Amino acid sequence: MAATPNRQFKNICVLSGFTYGKHKEFVEAAIDLGRSIAARKLHLVYGGGNRGLSKMVSEAAFIRGSQVLGIIPRVLKPLGSSSDSSTGEVLVVSGDLATLEALMTLASWAHLHIH
């Protein structure tokens, strides 16, 4: 199905890691993504973290003029977000079963040493 020319996206959602990983190329790609989001005049909605790749994408977009909204479950806030974020607004939500599923995935991955 082809997109209609008059319909444009205004927001983009990005979910990325809380760490930088072992490869500087990931950091560079995250910064490039944030810059591209701003260049296209899109608003960024992301996972609300102020660490790692999430921080790089949100800062790069915010610095270049994008409206940035971080959404983080209350239970994860101590792990990755501060209320004094300099990269836009952070919305703390109560969480739901998707949050529980994400926590279980992280716990499993930690046990298996794959993150």
PDB file of N, CA and C in Angstrom:
ATOM      1  N   MET A   1       0.843  -1.175   0.000  1.00  0.00           N
ATOM      2  CA  MET A   1       0.000   0.000   0.000  1.00  0.00           C
ATOM      3  C   MET A   1       0.887   1.235   0.000  1.00  0.00           C
ATOM      4  N   ALA A   2       0.727   2.071  -0.942  1.00  0.00           N
ATOM      5  CA  ALA A   2       1.545   3.274  -1.067  1.00  0.00           C
ATOM      6  C   ALA A   2       1.036   4.360  -0.122  1.00  0.00           C
ATOM      7  N   ALA A   3       1.968   5.117   0.434  1.00  0.00           N
ATOM      8  CA  ALA A   3       1.609   6.223   1.318  1.00  0.00           C
ATOM      9  C   ALA A   3       1.064   7.382   0.494  1.00  0.00           C
ATOM     10  N   THR A   4       0.104   8.066   1.043  1.00  0.00           N
ATOM     11  CA  THR A   4      -0.435   9.229   0.341  1.00  0.00           C
ATOM     12  C   THR A   4       0.489  10.418   0.572  1.00  0.00           C
ATOM     13  N   PRO A   5       0.663  11.267  -0.417  1.00  0.00           N
ATOM     14  CA  PRO A   5       1.602  12.379  -0.298  1.00  0.00           C
ATOM     15  C   PRO A   5       1.257  13.385   0.794  1.00  0.00           C
ATOM     16  N   ASN A   6      -0.017  13.551   1.129  1.00  0.00           N
ATOM     17  CA  ASN A   6      -0.393  14.557   2.112  1.00  0.00           C
ATOM     18  C   ASN A   6      -0.364  14.028   3.547  1.00  0.00           C
ATOM     19  N   ARG A   7      -0.073  12.764   3.721  1.00  0.00           N
ATOM     20  CA  ARG A   7      -0.022  12.195   5.065  1.00  0.00           C
ATOM     21  C   ARG A   7       1.429  12.097   5.520  1.00  0.00           C
ATOM     22  N   GLN A   8       1.743  12.787   6.603  1.00  0.00           N
ATOM     23  CA  GLN A   8       3.110  12.835   7.096  1.00  0.00           C
ATOM     24  C   GLN A   8       3.148  12.403   8.559  1.00  0.00           C
ATOM     25  N   PHE A   9       4.197  11.709   8.920  1.00  0.00           N
ATOM     26  CA  PHE A   9       4.406  11.364  10.317  1.00  0.00           C
ATOM     27  C   PHE A   9       4.905  12.589  11.061  1.00  0.00           C
ATOM     28  N   LYS A  10       4.466  12.745  12.303  1.00  0.00           N
ATOM     29  CA  LYS A  10       4.932  13.852  13.128  1.00  0.00           C
ATOM     30  C   LYS A  10       5.744  13.363  14.316  1.00  0.00           C
ATOM     31  N   ASN A  11       5.528  12.121  14.704  1.00  0.00           N
ATOM     32  CA  ASN A  11       6.203  11.549  15.866  1.00  0.00           C
ATOM     33  C   ASN A  11       6.897  10.258  15.469  1.00  0.00           C
ATOM     34  N   ILE A  12       7.979   9.970  16.164  1.00  0.00           N
ATOM     35  CA  ILE A  12       8.658   8.700  15.972  1.00  0.00           C
ATOM     36  C   ILE A  12       9.021   8.172  17.356  1.00  0.00           C
ATOM     37  N   CYS A  13       8.843   6.886  17.539  1.00  0.00           N
ATOM     38  CA  CYS A  13       9.153   6.248  18.807  1.00  0.00           C
ATOM     39  C   CYS A  13      10.419   5.418  18.645  1.00  0.00           C
ATOM     40  N   VAL A  14      11.358   5.605  19.567  1.00  0.00           N
ATOM     41  CA  VAL A  14      12.625   4.875  19.538  1.00  0.00           C
ATOM     42  C   VAL A  14      12.822   4.215  20.892  1.00  0.00           C
ATOM     43  N   LEU A  15      13.117   2.944  20.880  1.00  0.00           N
ATOM     44  CA  LEU A  15      13.458   2.218  22.095  1.00  0.00           C
ATOM     45  C   LEU A  15      14.854   1.668  21.895  1.00  0.00           C
ATOM     46  N   SER A  16      15.789   2.122  22.712  1.00  0.00           N
ATOM     47  CA  SER A  16      17.174   1.693  22.556  1.00  0.00           C
ATOM     48  C   SER A  16      17.752   1.317  23.911  1.00  0.00           C
ATOM     49  N   GLY A  17      18.982   0.872  23.894  1.00  0.00           N
ATOM     50  CA  GLY A  17      19.611   0.338  25.095  1.00  0.00           C
ATOM     51  C   GLY A  17      19.996   1.385  26.131  1.00  0.00           C
ATOM     52  N   PHE A  18      20.078   0.926  27.380  1.00  0.00           N
ATOM     53  CA  PHE A  18      20.521   1.763  28.495  1.00  0.00           C
ATOM     54  C   PHE A  18      22.039   1.813  28.600  1.00  0.00           C
ATOM     55  N   THR A  19      22.728   1.040  27.771  1.00  0.00           N
ATOM     56  CA  THR A  19      24.190   1.051  27.798  1.00  0.00           C
ATOM     57  C   THR A  19      24.706   1.419  26.415  1.00  0.00           C
ATOM     58  N   TYR A  20      25.984   1.714  26.349  1.00  0.00           N
ATOM     59  CA  TYR A  20      26.595   2.089  25.085  1.00  0.00           C
ATOM     60  C   TYR A  20      27.043   0.871  24.284  1.00  0.00           C
ATOM     61  N   GLY A  21      27.191  -0.250  24.938  1.00  0.00           N
ATOM     62  CA  GLY A  21      27.689  -1.424  24.242  1.00  0.00           C
ATOM     63  C   GLY A  21      29.195  -1.339  24.058  1.00  0.00           C
ATOM     64  N   LYS A  22      29.729  -2.265  23.335  1.00  0.00           N
ATOM     65  CA  LYS A  22      31.175  -2.350  23.152  1.00  0.00           C
ATOM     66  C   LYS A  22      31.662  -1.644  21.897  1.00  0.00           C
ATOM     67  N   HIS A  23      30.762  -1.190  21.067  1.00  0.00           N
ATOM     68  CA  HIS A  23      31.136  -0.636  19.774  1.00  0.00           C
ATOM     69  C   HIS A  23      30.768   0.841  19.681  1.00  0.00           C
ATOM     70  N   LYS A  24      31.769   1.681  19.406  1.00  0.00           N
ATOM     71  CA  LYS A  24      31.500   3.111  19.300  1.00  0.00           C
ATOM     72  C   LYS A  24      30.596   3.423  18.117  1.00  0.00           C
ATOM     73  N   GLU A  25      30.495   2.501  17.166  1.00  0.00           N
ATOM     74  CA  GLU A  25      29.614   2.705  16.024  1.00  0.00           C
ATOM     75  C   GLU A  25      28.159   2.814  16.462  1.00  0.00           C
ATOM     76  N   PHE A  26      27.792   2.134  17.548  1.00  0.00           N
ATOM     77  CA  PHE A  26      26.424   2.213  18.056  1.00  0.00           C
ATOM     78  C   PHE A  26      26.134   3.620  18.579  1.00  0.00           C
ATOM     79  N   VAL A  27      27.097   4.205  19.274  1.00  0.00           N
ATOM     80  CA  VAL A  27      26.934   5.569  19.782  1.00  0.00           C
ATOM     81  C   VAL A  27      26.795   6.533  18.611  1.00  0.00           C
ATOM     82  N   GLU A  28      27.652   6.388  17.625  1.00  0.00           N
ATOM     83  CA  GLU A  28      27.598   7.254  16.442  1.00  0.00           C
ATOM     84  C   GLU A  28      26.261   7.109  15.711  1.00  0.00           C
ATOM     85  N   ALA A  29      25.778   5.874  15.602  1.00  0.00           N
ATOM     86  CA  ALA A  29      24.490   5.639  14.937  1.00  0.00           C
ATOM     87  C   ALA A  29      23.343   6.260  15.734  1.00  0.00           C
ATOM     88  N   ALA A  30      23.400   6.186  17.069  1.00  0.00           N
ATOM     89  CA  ALA A  30      22.357   6.774  17.912  1.00  0.00           C
ATOM     90  C   ALA A  30      22.333   8.293  17.746  1.00  0.00           C
ATOM     91  N   ILE A  31      23.508   8.902  17.712  1.00  0.00           N
ATOM     92  CA  ILE A  31      23.589  10.354  17.527  1.00  0.00           C
ATOM     93  C   ILE A  31      23.086  10.740  16.134  1.00  0.00           C
ATOM     94  N   ASP A  32      23.477   9.982  15.132  1.00  0.00           N
ATOM     95  CA  ASP A  32      22.996  10.243  13.769  1.00  0.00           C
ATOM     96  C   ASP A  32      21.481  10.121  13.682  1.00  0.00           C
ATOM     97  N   LEU A  33      20.921   9.136  14.375  1.00  0.00           N
ATOM     98  CA  LEU A  33      19.473   8.963  14.379  1.00  0.00           C
ATOM     99  C   LEU A  33      18.788  10.185  14.994  1.00  0.00           C
ATOM    100  N   GLY A  34      19.294  10.641  16.132  1.00  0.00           N
ATOM    101  CA  GLY A  34      18.726  11.832  16.761  1.00  0.00           C
ATOM    102  C   GLY A  34      18.798  13.050  15.862  1.00  0.00           C
ATOM    103  N   ARG A  35      19.927  13.212  15.189  1.00  0.00           N
ATOM    104  CA  ARG A  35      20.083  14.333  14.255  1.00  0.00           C
ATOM    105  C   ARG A  35      19.098  14.229  13.093  1.00  0.00           C
ATOM    106  N   SER A  36      18.916  13.024  12.581  1.00  0.00           N
ATOM    107  CA  SER A  36      17.985  12.815  11.465  1.00  0.00           C
ATOM    108  C   SER A  36      16.545  13.101  11.876  1.00  0.00           C
ATOM    109  N   ILE A  37      16.196  12.712  13.085  1.00  0.00           N
ATOM    110  CA  ILE A  37      14.850  12.980  13.599  1.00  0.00           C
ATOM    111  C   ILE A  37      14.609  14.482  13.629  1.00  0.00           C
ATOM    112  N   ALA A  38      15.580  15.229  14.142  1.00  0.00           N
ATOM    113  CA  ALA A  38      15.441  16.684  14.209  1.00  0.00           C
ATOM    114  C   ALA A  38      15.422  17.312  12.818  1.00  0.00           C
ATOM    115  N   ALA A  39      16.273  16.823  11.924  1.00  0.00           N
ATOM    116  CA  ALA A  39      16.331  17.376  10.571  1.00  0.00           C
ATOM    117  C   ALA A  39      15.000  17.208   9.843  1.00  0.00           C
ATOM    118  N   ARG A  40      14.284  16.149  10.169  1.00  0.00           N
ATOM    119  CA  ARG A  40      12.989  15.893   9.537  1.00  0.00           C
ATOM    120  C   ARG A  40      11.832  16.533  10.308  1.00  0.00           C
ATOM    121  N   LYS A  41      12.186  17.303  11.340  1.00  0.00           N
ATOM    122  CA  LYS A  41      11.207  18.022  12.163  1.00  0.00           C
ATOM    123  C   LYS A  41      10.175  17.087  12.789  1.00  0.00           C
ATOM    124  N   LEU A  42      10.657  15.935  13.245  1.00  0.00           N
ATOM    125  CA  LEU A  42       9.814  14.970  13.938  1.00  0.00           C
ATOM    126  C   LEU A  42       9.950  15.154  15.442  1.00  0.00           C
ATOM    127  N   HIS A  43       8.927  14.732  16.171  1.00  0.00           N
ATOM    128  CA  HIS A  43       8.968  14.697  17.621  1.00  0.00           C
ATOM    129  C   HIS A  43       9.396  13.292  18.029  1.00  0.00           C
ATOM    130  N   LEU A  44      10.228  13.205  19.058  1.00  0.00           N
ATOM    131  CA  LEU A  44      10.735  11.920  19.532  1.00  0.00           C
ATOM    132  C   LEU A  44      10.007  11.483  20.790  1.00  0.00           C
ATOM    133  N   VAL A  45       9.552  10.250  20.778  1.00  0.00           N
ATOM    134  CA  VAL A  45       9.040   9.582  21.968  1.00  0.00           C
ATOM    135  C   VAL A  45       9.978   8.409  22.193  1.00  0.00           C
ATOM    136  N   TYR A  46      10.536   8.310  23.404  1.00  0.00           N
ATOM    137  CA  TYR A  46      11.508   7.247  23.660  1.00  0.00           C
ATOM    138  C   TYR A  46      11.305   6.661  25.042  1.00  0.00           C
ATOM    139  N   GLY A  47      12.125   5.697  25.393  1.00  0.00           N
ATOM    140  CA  GLY A  47      11.956   4.934  26.620  1.00  0.00           C
ATOM    141  C   GLY A  47      12.248   5.660  27.912  1.00  0.00           C
ATOM    142  N   GLY A  48      12.608   6.926  27.870  1.00  0.00           N
ATOM    143  CA  GLY A  48      12.738   7.732  29.078  1.00  0.00           C
ATOM    144  C   GLY A  48      14.055   7.628  29.811  1.00  0.00           C
ATOM    145  N   GLY A  49      14.973   6.829  29.333  1.00  0.00           N
ATOM    146  CA  GLY A  49      16.245   6.674  30.024  1.00  0.00           C
ATOM    147  C   GLY A  49      17.180   7.838  29.783  1.00  0.00           C
ATOM    148  N   ASN A  50      17.995   8.143  30.770  1.00  0.00           N
ATOM    149  CA  ASN A  50      18.991   9.195  30.591  1.00  0.00           C
ATOM    150  C   ASN A  50      20.402   8.603  30.630  1.00  0.00           C
ATOM    151  N   ARG A  51      20.496   7.367  30.156  1.00  0.00           N
ATOM    152  CA  ARG A  51      21.787   6.692  30.077  1.00  0.00           C
ATOM    153  C   ARG A  51      21.885   6.008  28.720  1.00  0.00           C
ATOM    154  N   GLY A  52      23.084   5.692  28.332  1.00  0.00           N
ATOM    155  CA  GLY A  52      23.321   4.871  27.163  1.00  0.00           C
ATOM    156  C   GLY A  52      22.831   5.447  25.856  1.00  0.00           C
ATOM    157  N   LEU A  53      22.437   4.551  24.964  1.00  0.00           N
ATOM    158  CA  LEU A  53      22.014   4.945  23.619  1.00  0.00           C
ATOM    159  C   LEU A  53      20.742   5.781  23.643  1.00  0.00           C
ATOM    160  N   SER A  54      19.851   5.499  24.594  1.00  0.00           N
ATOM    161  CA  SER A  54      18.638   6.318  24.735  1.00  0.00           C
ATOM    162  C   SER A  54      18.999   7.775  24.947  1.00  0.00           C
ATOM    163  N   LYS A  55      19.982   8.012  25.802  1.00  0.00           N
ATOM    164  CA  LYS A  55      20.432   9.372  26.079  1.00  0.00           C
ATOM    165  C   LYS A  55      21.008  10.016  24.817  1.00  0.00           C
ATOM    166  N   MET A  56      21.785   9.268  24.059  1.00  0.00           N
ATOM    167  CA  MET A  56      22.418   9.819  22.861  1.00  0.00           C
ATOM    168  C   MET A  56      21.382  10.249  21.816  1.00  0.00           C
ATOM    169  N   VAL A  57      20.389   9.386  21.581  1.00  0.00           N
ATOM    170  CA  VAL A  57      19.340   9.715  20.597  1.00  0.00           C
ATOM    171  C   VAL A  57      18.558  10.937  21.063  1.00  0.00           C
ATOM    172  N   SER A  58      18.124  10.928  22.324  1.00  0.00           N
ATOM    173  CA  SER A  58      17.276  12.019  22.813  1.00  0.00           C
ATOM    174  C   SER A  58      18.027  13.340  22.861  1.00  0.00           C
ATOM    175  N   GLU A  59      19.277  13.331  23.301  1.00  0.00           N
ATOM    176  CA  GLU A  59      20.050  14.578  23.348  1.00  0.00           C
ATOM    177  C   GLU A  59      20.287  15.144  21.955  1.00  0.00           C
ATOM    178  N   ALA A  60      20.662  14.280  21.018  1.00  0.00           N
ATOM    179  CA  ALA A  60      20.935  14.748  19.655  1.00  0.00           C
ATOM    180  C   ALA A  60      19.685  15.357  19.027  1.00  0.00           C
ATOM    181  N   ALA A  61      18.529  14.749  19.264  1.00  0.00           N
ATOM    182  CA  ALA A  61      17.277  15.293  18.710  1.00  0.00           C
ATOM    183  C   ALA A  61      16.895  16.593  19.413  1.00  0.00           C
ATOM    184  N   PHE A  62      16.995  16.614  20.725  1.00  0.00           N
ATOM    185  CA  PHE A  62      16.587  17.779  21.520  1.00  0.00           C
ATOM    186  C   PHE A  62      17.455  19.001  21.227  1.00  0.00           C
ATOM    187  N   ILE A  63      18.763  18.796  21.163  1.00  0.00           N
ATOM    188  CA  ILE A  63      19.693  19.893  20.905  1.00  0.00           C
ATOM    189  C   ILE A  63      19.390  20.566  19.578  1.00  0.00           C
ATOM    190  N   ARG A  64      18.902  19.787  18.629  1.00  0.00           N
ATOM    191  CA  ARG A  64      18.617  20.324  17.295  1.00  0.00           C
ATOM    192  C   ARG A  64      17.165  20.747  17.115  1.00  0.00           C
ATOM    193  N   GLY A  65      16.419  20.821  18.221  1.00  0.00           N
ATOM    194  CA  GLY A  65      15.097  21.433  18.162  1.00  0.00           C
ATOM    195  C   GLY A  65      13.897  20.507  18.186  1.00  0.00           C
ATOM    196  N   SER A  66      14.099  19.207  18.278  1.00  0.00           N
ATOM    197  CA  SER A  66      12.946  18.303  18.338  1.00  0.00           C
ATOM    198  C   SER A  66      12.291  18.363  19.704  1.00  0.00           C
ATOM    199  N   GLN A  67      10.991  18.192  19.704  1.00  0.00           N
ATOM    200  CA  GLN A  67      10.261  18.012  20.952  1.00  0.00           C
ATOM    201  C   GLN A  67      10.505  16.575  21.383  1.00  0.00           C
ATOM    202  N   VAL A  68      10.905  16.380  22.655  1.00  0.00           N
ATOM    203  CA  VAL A  68      11.298  15.057  23.134  1.00  0.00           C
ATOM    204  C   VAL A  68      10.445  14.689  24.343  1.00  0.00           C
ATOM    205  N   LEU A  69       9.873  13.483  24.311  1.00  0.00           N
ATOM    206  CA  LEU A  69       9.092  12.954  25.429  1.00  0.00           C
ATOM    207  C   LEU A  69       9.621  11.580  25.781  1.00  0.00           C
ATOM    208  N   GLY A  70      10.106  11.443  27.004  1.00  0.00           N
ATOM    209  CA  GLY A  70      10.530  10.141  27.512  1.00  0.00           C
ATOM    210  C   GLY A  70       9.420   9.546  28.349  1.00  0.00           C
ATOM    211  N   ILE A  71       9.117   8.281  28.122  1.00  0.00           N
ATOM    212  CA  ILE A  71       8.080   7.590  28.894  1.00  0.00           C
ATOM    213  C   ILE A  71       8.744   6.423  29.601  1.00  0.00           C
ATOM    214  N   ILE A  72       8.624   6.407  30.927  1.00  0.00           N
ATOM    215  CA  ILE A  72       9.278   5.365  31.701  1.00  0.00           C
ATOM    216  C   ILE A  72       8.343   4.872  32.805  1.00  0.00           C
ATOM    217  N   PRO A  73       8.246   3.560  32.986  1.00  0.00           N
ATOM    218  CA  PRO A  73       7.435   3.031  34.084  1.00  0.00           C
ATOM    219  C   PRO A  73       8.047   3.405  35.440  1.00  0.00           C
ATOM    220  N   ARG A  74       7.206   3.693  36.390  1.00  0.00           N
ATOM    221  CA  ARG A  74       7.643   4.099  37.727  1.00  0.00           C
ATOM    222  C   ARG A  74       8.656   3.112  38.304  1.00  0.00           C
ATOM    223  N   VAL A  75       8.434   1.832  38.091  1.00  0.00           N
ATOM    224  CA  VAL A  75       9.315   0.819  38.662  1.00  0.00           C
ATOM    225  C   VAL A  75      10.718   0.864  38.046  1.00  0.00           C
ATOM    226  N   LEU A  76      10.840   1.345  36.818  1.00  0.00           N
ATOM    227  CA  LEU A  76      12.148   1.417  36.157  1.00  0.00           C
ATOM    228  C   LEU A  76      12.829   2.765  36.329  1.00  0.00           C
ATOM    229  N   LYS A  77      12.113   3.761  36.820  1.00  0.00           N
ATOM    230  CA  LYS A  77      12.663   5.115  36.930  1.00  0.00           C
ATOM    231  C   LYS A  77      13.975   5.161  37.702  1.00  0.00           C
ATOM    232  N   PRO A  78      14.100   4.496  38.836  1.00  0.00           N
ATOM    233  CA  PRO A  78      15.387   4.558  39.545  1.00  0.00           C
ATOM    234  C   PRO A  78      16.560   3.970  38.741  1.00  0.00           C
ATOM    235  N   LEU A  79      16.269   3.147  37.766  1.00  0.00           N
ATOM    236  CA  LEU A  79      17.320   2.515  36.976  1.00  0.00           C
ATOM    237  C   LEU A  79      17.794   3.351  35.809  1.00  0.00           C
ATOM    238  N   GLY A  80      16.990   4.326  35.366  1.00  0.00           N
ATOM    239  CA  GLY A  80      17.412   4.968  34.140  1.00  0.00           C
ATOM    240  C   GLY A  80      16.907   6.345  33.845  1.00  0.00           C
ATOM    241  N   SER A  81      16.266   7.015  34.767  1.00  0.00           N
ATOM    242  CA  SER A  81      15.779   8.347  34.437  1.00  0.00           C
ATOM    243  C   SER A  81      15.815   9.222  35.670  1.00  0.00           C
ATOM    244  N   SER A  82      16.113  10.472  35.454  1.00  0.00           N
ATOM    245  CA  SER A  82      16.068  11.427  36.546  1.00  0.00           C
ATOM    246  C   SER A  82      15.058  12.513  36.200  1.00  0.00           C
ATOM    247  N   SER A  83      14.494  13.123  37.214  1.00  0.00           N
ATOM    248  CA  SER A  83      13.466  14.138  36.964  1.00  0.00           C
ATOM    249  C   SER A  83      14.071  15.435  36.447  1.00  0.00           C
ATOM    250  N   ASP A  84      15.380  15.591  36.549  1.00  0.00           N
ATOM    251  CA  ASP A  84      15.999  16.827  36.074  1.00  0.00           C
ATOM    252  C   ASP A  84      16.569  16.662  34.667  1.00  0.00           C
ATOM    253  N   SER A  85      15.884  15.889  33.866  1.00  0.00           N
ATOM    254  CA  SER A  85      16.333  15.641  32.503  1.00  0.00           C
ATOM    255  C   SER A  85      16.421  16.935  31.718  1.00  0.00           C
ATOM    256  N   SER A  86      17.529  17.114  31.020  1.00  0.00           N
ATOM    257  CA  SER A  86      17.704  18.328  30.227  1.00  0.00           C
ATOM    258  C   SER A  86      17.296  18.096  28.781  1.00  0.00           C
ATOM    259  N   THR A  87      16.719  16.943  28.491  1.00  0.00           N
ATOM    260  CA  THR A  87      16.353  16.629  27.111  1.00  0.00           C
ATOM    261  C   THR A  87      14.859  16.438  26.969  1.00  0.00           C
ATOM    262  N   GLY A  88      14.098  17.416  27.383  1.00  0.00           N
ATOM    263  CA  GLY A  88      12.660  17.358  27.180  1.00  0.00           C
ATOM    264  C   GLY A  88      11.920  16.890  28.406  1.00  0.00           C
ATOM    265  N   GLU A  89      10.724  16.434  28.164  1.00  0.00           N
ATOM    266  CA  GLU A  89       9.809  16.033  29.223  1.00  0.00           C
ATOM    267  C   GLU A  89       9.912  14.532  29.478  1.00  0.00           C
ATOM    268  N   VAL A  90       9.790  14.136  30.755  1.00  0.00           N
ATOM    269  CA  VAL A  90       9.754  12.723  31.114  1.00  0.00           C
ATOM    270  C   VAL A  90       8.402  12.444  31.758  1.00  0.00           C
ATOM    271  N   LEU A  91       7.694  11.473  31.231  1.00  0.00           N
ATOM    272  CA  LEU A  91       6.399  11.069  31.763  1.00  0.00           C
ATOM    273  C   LEU A  91       6.579   9.733  32.474  1.00  0.00           C
ATOM    274  N   VAL A  92       6.293   9.710  33.774  1.00  0.00           N
ATOM    275  CA  VAL A  92       6.400   8.485  34.562  1.00  0.00           C
ATOM    276  C   VAL A  92       5.018   7.845  34.602  1.00  0.00           C
ATOM    277  N   VAL A  93       4.951   6.584  34.167  1.00  0.00           N
ATOM    278  CA  VAL A  93       3.680   5.865  34.104  1.00  0.00           C
ATOM    279  C   VAL A  93       3.692   4.713  35.093  1.00  0.00           C
ATOM    280  N   SER A  94       2.505   4.204  35.413  1.00  0.00           N
ATOM    281  CA  SER A  94       2.409   3.151  36.415  1.00  0.00           C
ATOM    282  C   SER A  94       2.923   1.810  35.911  1.00  0.00           C
ATOM    283  N   GLY A  95       2.882   1.556  34.625  1.00  0.00           N
ATOM    284  CA  GLY A  95       3.347   0.277  34.091  1.00  0.00           C
ATOM    285  C   GLY A  95       2.193  -0.666  33.887  1.00  0.00           C
ATOM    286  N   ASP A  96       2.458  -1.783  33.221  1.00  0.00           N
ATOM    287  CA  ASP A  96       1.420  -2.769  32.959  1.00  0.00           C
ATOM    288  C   ASP A  96       2.082  -4.124  32.699  1.00  0.00           C
ATOM    289  N   LEU A  97       1.343  -5.044  32.095  1.00  0.00           N
ATOM    290  CA  LEU A  97       1.906  -6.372  31.831  1.00  0.00           C
ATOM    291  C   LEU A  97       3.081  -6.322  30.868  1.00  0.00           C
ATOM    292  N   ALA A  98       3.103  -5.362  29.968  1.00  0.00           N
ATOM    293  CA  ALA A  98       4.243  -5.238  29.058  1.00  0.00           C
ATOM    294  C   ALA A  98       5.507  -4.903  29.853  1.00  0.00           C
ATOM    295  N   THR A  99       5.350  -4.093  30.909  1.00  0.00           N
ATOM    296  CA  THR A  99       6.487  -3.777  31.768  1.00  0.00           C
ATOM    297  C   THR A  99       6.964  -5.029  32.482  1.00  0.00           C
ATOM    298  N   LEU A 100       6.030  -5.821  32.980  1.00  0.00           N
ATOM    299  CA  LEU A 100       6.380  -7.070  33.647  1.00  0.00           C
ATOM    300  C   LEU A 100       7.112  -8.003  32.689  1.00  0.00           C
ATOM    301  N   GLU A 101       6.633  -8.068  31.462  1.00  0.00           N
ATOM    302  CA  GLU A 101       7.283  -8.915  30.456  1.00  0.00           C
ATOM    303  C   GLU A 101       8.696  -8.432  30.176  1.00  0.00           C
ATOM    304  N   ALA A 102       8.881  -7.120  30.110  1.00  0.00           N
ATOM    305  CA  ALA A 102      10.218  -6.564  29.873  1.00  0.00           C
ATOM    306  C   ALA A 102      11.148  -6.873  31.042  1.00  0.00           C
ATOM    307  N   LEU A 103      10.642  -6.762  32.268  1.00  0.00           N
ATOM    308  CA  LEU A 103      11.464  -7.090  33.432  1.00  0.00           C
ATOM    309  C   LEU A 103      11.876  -8.552  33.442  1.00  0.00           C
ATOM    310  N   MET A 104      10.948  -9.423  33.067  1.00  0.00           N
ATOM    311  CA  MET A 104      11.264 -10.857  33.026  1.00  0.00           C
ATOM    312  C   MET A 104      12.303 -11.147  31.946  1.00  0.00           C
ATOM    313  N   THR A 105      12.187 -10.478  30.816  1.00  0.00           N
ATOM    314  CA  THR A 105      13.175 -10.647  29.750  1.00  0.00           C
ATOM    315  C   THR A 105      14.545 -10.208  30.230  1.00  0.00           C
ATOM    316  N   LEU A 106      14.618  -9.037  30.864  1.00  0.00           N
ATOM    317  CA  LEU A 106      15.900  -8.546  31.377  1.00  0.00           C
ATOM    318  C   LEU A 106      16.487  -9.492  32.415  1.00  0.00           C
ATOM    319  N   ALA A 107      15.648 -10.008  33.299  1.00  0.00           N
ATOM    320  CA  ALA A 107      16.130 -10.948  34.312  1.00  0.00           C
ATOM    321  C   ALA A 107      16.663 -12.221  33.670  1.00  0.00           C
ATOM    322  N   SER A 108      15.955 -12.717  32.661  1.00  0.00           N
ATOM    323  CA  SER A 108      16.408 -13.916  31.945  1.00  0.00           C
ATOM    324  C   SER A 108      17.726 -13.672  31.239  1.00  0.00           C
ATOM    325  N   TRP A 109      17.828 -12.530  30.576  1.00  0.00           N
ATOM    326  CA  TRP A 109      19.065 -12.207  29.857  1.00  0.00           C
ATOM    327  C   TRP A 109      20.234 -12.046  30.831  1.00  0.00           C
ATOM    328  N   ALA A 110      19.968 -11.441  31.982  1.00  0.00           N
ATOM    329  CA  ALA A 110      21.032 -11.289  32.978  1.00  0.00           C
ATOM    330  C   ALA A 110      21.507 -12.663  33.454  1.00  0.00           C
ATOM    331  N   HIS A 111      20.574 -13.546  33.669  1.00  0.00           N
ATOM    332  CA  HIS A 111      20.924 -14.892  34.097  1.00  0.00           C
ATOM    333  C   HIS A 111      21.755 -15.619  33.049  1.00  0.00           C
ATOM    334  N   LEU A 112      21.448 -15.382  31.784  1.00  0.00           N
ATOM    335  CA  LEU A 112      22.159 -16.033  30.682  1.00  0.00           C
ATOM    336  C   LEU A 112      23.404 -15.264  30.240  1.00  0.00           C
ATOM    337  N   HIS A 113      23.662 -14.117  30.879  1.00  0.00           N
ATOM    338  CA  HIS A 113      24.837 -13.288  30.558  1.00  0.00           C
ATOM    339  C   HIS A 113      24.853 -12.859  29.086  1.00  0.00           C
ATOM    340  N   ILE A 114      23.695 -12.455  28.549  1.00  0.00           N
ATOM    341  CA  ILE A 114      23.653 -12.023  27.168  1.00  0.00           C
ATOM    342  C   ILE A 114      23.376 -10.537  27.016  1.00  0.00           C
ATOM    343  N   HIS A 115      23.429  -9.789  28.096  1.00  0.00           N
ATOM    344  CA  HIS A 115      23.342  -8.324  27.963  1.00  0.00           C
ATOM    345  C   HIS A 115      24.245  -7.671  28.975  1.00  0.00           C
TER     346      HIS A 115
END
